[in-house]
């Protein structure tokens, strides 16, 4: 997701005042530290999408990683309870379908 990284870099531009520049640099450093703690590039891209308020993109990245739990957690932090319920229902349907088609152990 290079486009997200470019957009993040585009938001890190010098401001008119020194105070706001220092604040922006501090915030940028904190974001970079947070991204370095993540173990996969997809998680990093999802966090960048969150920072840029691209929530659907972040959810899509979490699902590509097969991590619906992270998508649910993100929606819960946003207070998007409709999306939380839809995600949980999707997981429940998947688990129900998987258990019906699972081979029996005798």
C-alpha atoms as a PDB file:
ATOM      1  CA  UNK A   1       0.000   0.000   0.000  1.00  0.00           C
ATOM      2  CA  UNK A   2       2.577   2.562  -1.082  1.00  0.00           C
ATOM      3  CA  UNK A   3      -0.142   5.107  -1.786  1.00  0.00           C
ATOM      4  CA  UNK A   4      -1.018   5.206   1.932  1.00  0.00           C
ATOM      5  CA  UNK A   5       2.638   5.689   2.822  1.00  0.00           C
ATOM      6  CA  UNK A   6       2.912   8.533   0.306  1.00  0.00           C
ATOM      7  CA  UNK A   7      -0.242  10.132   1.714  1.00  0.00           C
ATOM      8  CA  UNK A   8       1.178   9.854   5.232  1.00  0.00           C
ATOM      9  CA  UNK A   9       4.410  11.478   4.093  1.00  0.00           C
ATOM     10  CA  UNK A  10       2.407  14.196   2.361  1.00  0.00           C
ATOM     11  CA  UNK A  11       0.774  15.138   5.653  1.00  0.00           C
ATOM     12  CA  UNK A  12       4.198  15.681   7.256  1.00  0.00           C
ATOM     13  CA  UNK A  13       4.948  19.108   5.860  1.00  0.00           C
ATOM     14  CA  UNK A  14       6.358  22.113   7.670  1.00  0.00           C
ATOM     15  CA  UNK A  15       3.820  24.494   9.149  1.00  0.00           C
ATOM     16  CA  UNK A  16       4.105  28.233   9.531  1.00  0.00           C
ATOM     17  CA  UNK A  17       4.828  28.259  13.264  1.00  0.00           C
ATOM     18  CA  UNK A  18       7.625  26.461  15.094  1.00  0.00           C
ATOM     19  CA  UNK A  19       5.179  25.107  17.692  1.00  0.00           C
ATOM     20  CA  UNK A  20       3.008  23.366  15.147  1.00  0.00           C
ATOM     21  CA  UNK A  21       6.097  22.085  13.316  1.00  0.00           C
ATOM     22  CA  UNK A  22       7.442  20.589  16.527  1.00  0.00           C
ATOM     23  CA  UNK A  23       4.064  19.046  17.267  1.00  0.00           C
ATOM     24  CA  UNK A  24       3.914  17.527  13.788  1.00  0.00           C
ATOM     25  CA  UNK A  25       7.434  16.130  14.062  1.00  0.00           C
ATOM     26  CA  UNK A  26       6.667  14.647  17.484  1.00  0.00           C
ATOM     27  CA  UNK A  27       3.477  13.068  16.169  1.00  0.00           C
ATOM     28  CA  UNK A  28       5.352  11.709  13.141  1.00  0.00           C
ATOM     29  CA  UNK A  29       8.017  10.145  15.354  1.00  0.00           C
ATOM     30  CA  UNK A  30       5.348   8.498  17.510  1.00  0.00           C
ATOM     31  CA  UNK A  31       3.625   7.053  14.432  1.00  0.00           C
ATOM     32  CA  UNK A  32       6.904   5.670  13.084  1.00  0.00           C
ATOM     33  CA  UNK A  33       7.679   4.056  16.465  1.00  0.00           C
ATOM     34  CA  UNK A  34       4.220   2.510  16.548  1.00  0.00           C
ATOM     35  CA  UNK A  35       4.619   1.174  12.994  1.00  0.00           C
ATOM     36  CA  UNK A  36       8.009  -0.372  13.786  1.00  0.00           C
ATOM     37  CA  UNK A  37       6.427  -2.431  16.574  1.00  0.00           C
ATOM     38  CA  UNK A  38       4.109  -4.163  14.108  1.00  0.00           C
ATOM     39  CA  UNK A  39       5.311  -7.469  12.701  1.00  0.00           C
ATOM     40  CA  UNK A  40       3.954  -7.395   9.133  1.00  0.00           C
ATOM     41  CA  UNK A  41       3.822  -4.788   6.366  1.00  0.00           C
ATOM     42  CA  UNK A  42       0.063  -5.338   6.015  1.00  0.00           C
ATOM     43  CA  UNK A  43      -0.476  -4.409   9.663  1.00  0.00           C
ATOM     44  CA  UNK A  44       1.660  -1.320   9.118  1.00  0.00           C
ATOM     45  CA  UNK A  45      -0.421  -0.371   6.083  1.00  0.00           C
ATOM     46  CA  UNK A  46      -3.627  -0.925   8.064  1.00  0.00           C
ATOM     47  CA  UNK A  47      -2.373   1.390  10.833  1.00  0.00           C
ATOM     48  CA  UNK A  48      -1.478   4.034   8.250  1.00  0.00           C
ATOM     49  CA  UNK A  49      -4.977   3.694   6.769  1.00  0.00           C
ATOM     50  CA  UNK A  50      -6.422   4.167  10.264  1.00  0.00           C
ATOM     51  CA  UNK A  51      -4.327   7.295  10.784  1.00  0.00           C
ATOM     52  CA  UNK A  52      -5.577   8.657   7.450  1.00  0.00           C
ATOM     53  CA  UNK A  53      -9.173   7.804   8.497  1.00  0.00           C
ATOM     54  CA  UNK A  54      -9.518   5.238   5.702  1.00  0.00           C
ATOM     55  CA  UNK A  55     -11.396   2.784   7.903  1.00  0.00           C
ATOM     56  CA  UNK A  56     -12.784   0.563   5.153  1.00  0.00           C
ATOM     57  CA  UNK A  57      -9.282   0.186   3.693  1.00  0.00           C
ATOM     58  CA  UNK A  58      -7.907  -0.755   7.125  1.00  0.00           C
ATOM     59  CA  UNK A  59     -10.678  -3.315   7.611  1.00  0.00           C
ATOM     60  CA  UNK A  60      -9.974  -4.774   4.181  1.00  0.00           C
ATOM     61  CA  UNK A  61      -6.287  -5.143   5.057  1.00  0.00           C
ATOM     62  CA  UNK A  62      -7.128  -6.870   8.328  1.00  0.00           C
ATOM     63  CA  UNK A  63      -9.395  -9.299   6.487  1.00  0.00           C
ATOM     64  CA  UNK A  64      -6.654 -10.002   3.908  1.00  0.00           C
ATOM     65  CA  UNK A  65      -4.438 -10.983   6.838  1.00  0.00           C
ATOM     66  CA  UNK A  66      -7.227 -13.320   8.004  1.00  0.00           C
ATOM     67  CA  UNK A  67      -7.578 -11.234  11.174  1.00  0.00           C
ATOM     68  CA  UNK A  68     -11.273 -10.380  11.556  1.00  0.00           C
ATOM     69  CA  UNK A  69     -10.563  -9.890  15.271  1.00  0.00           C
ATOM     70  CA  UNK A  70      -8.455  -6.818  14.457  1.00  0.00           C
ATOM     71  CA  UNK A  71     -11.189  -5.495  12.161  1.00  0.00           C
ATOM     72  CA  UNK A  72     -13.751  -5.982  14.929  1.00  0.00           C
ATOM     73  CA  UNK A  73     -11.488  -4.313  17.493  1.00  0.00           C
ATOM     74  CA  UNK A  74     -10.990  -1.319  15.172  1.00  0.00           C
ATOM     75  CA  UNK A  75     -14.749  -0.923  14.618  1.00  0.00           C
ATOM     76  CA  UNK A  76     -15.351  -1.197  18.386  1.00  0.00           C
ATOM     77  CA  UNK A  77     -12.809   1.589  19.038  1.00  0.00           C
ATOM     78  CA  UNK A  78     -14.618   3.697  16.431  1.00  0.00           C
ATOM     79  CA  UNK A  79     -18.005   2.991  18.002  1.00  0.00           C
ATOM     80  CA  UNK A  80     -19.303   1.501  14.730  1.00  0.00           C
ATOM     81  CA  UNK A  81     -21.505  -1.098  16.408  1.00  0.00           C
ATOM     82  CA  UNK A  82     -23.407  -1.994  13.243  1.00  0.00           C
ATOM     83  CA  UNK A  83     -20.156  -3.048  11.553  1.00  0.00           C
ATOM     84  CA  UNK A  84     -19.138  -4.918  14.727  1.00  0.00           C
ATOM     85  CA  UNK A  85     -22.375  -6.911  14.706  1.00  0.00           C
ATOM     86  CA  UNK A  86     -22.016  -7.669  10.971  1.00  0.00           C
ATOM     87  CA  UNK A  87     -18.437  -8.865  11.457  1.00  0.00           C
ATOM     88  CA  UNK A  88     -19.405 -11.052  14.388  1.00  0.00           C
ATOM     89  CA  UNK A  89     -22.324 -12.540  12.448  1.00  0.00           C
ATOM     90  CA  UNK A  90     -20.000 -13.280   9.511  1.00  0.00           C
ATOM     91  CA  UNK A  91     -17.603 -15.057  11.865  1.00  0.00           C
ATOM     92  CA  UNK A  92     -20.443 -17.027  13.433  1.00  0.00           C
ATOM     93  CA  UNK A  93     -21.753 -18.099  10.007  1.00  0.00           C
ATOM     94  CA  UNK A  94     -18.243 -19.141   8.964  1.00  0.00           C
ATOM     95  CA  UNK A  95     -17.736 -21.194  12.120  1.00  0.00           C
ATOM     96  CA  UNK A  96     -21.162 -22.823  11.774  1.00  0.00           C
ATOM     97  CA  UNK A  97     -20.515 -23.709   8.131  1.00  0.00           C
ATOM     98  CA  UNK A  98     -17.043 -25.023   8.931  1.00  0.00           C
ATOM     99  CA  UNK A  99     -18.359 -27.265  11.719  1.00  0.00           C
ATOM    100  CA  UNK A 100     -21.116 -28.693   9.491  1.00  0.00           C
ATOM    101  CA  UNK A 101     -18.620 -29.600   6.762  1.00  0.00           C
ATOM    102  CA  UNK A 102     -15.883 -30.826   9.081  1.00  0.00           C
ATOM    103  CA  UNK A 103     -15.146 -34.543   8.930  1.00  0.00           C
ATOM    104  CA  UNK A 104     -16.415 -36.462  11.922  1.00  0.00           C
ATOM    105  CA  UNK A 105     -13.936 -38.157  14.201  1.00  0.00           C
ATOM    106  CA  UNK A 106     -15.122 -41.643  15.206  1.00  0.00           C
END
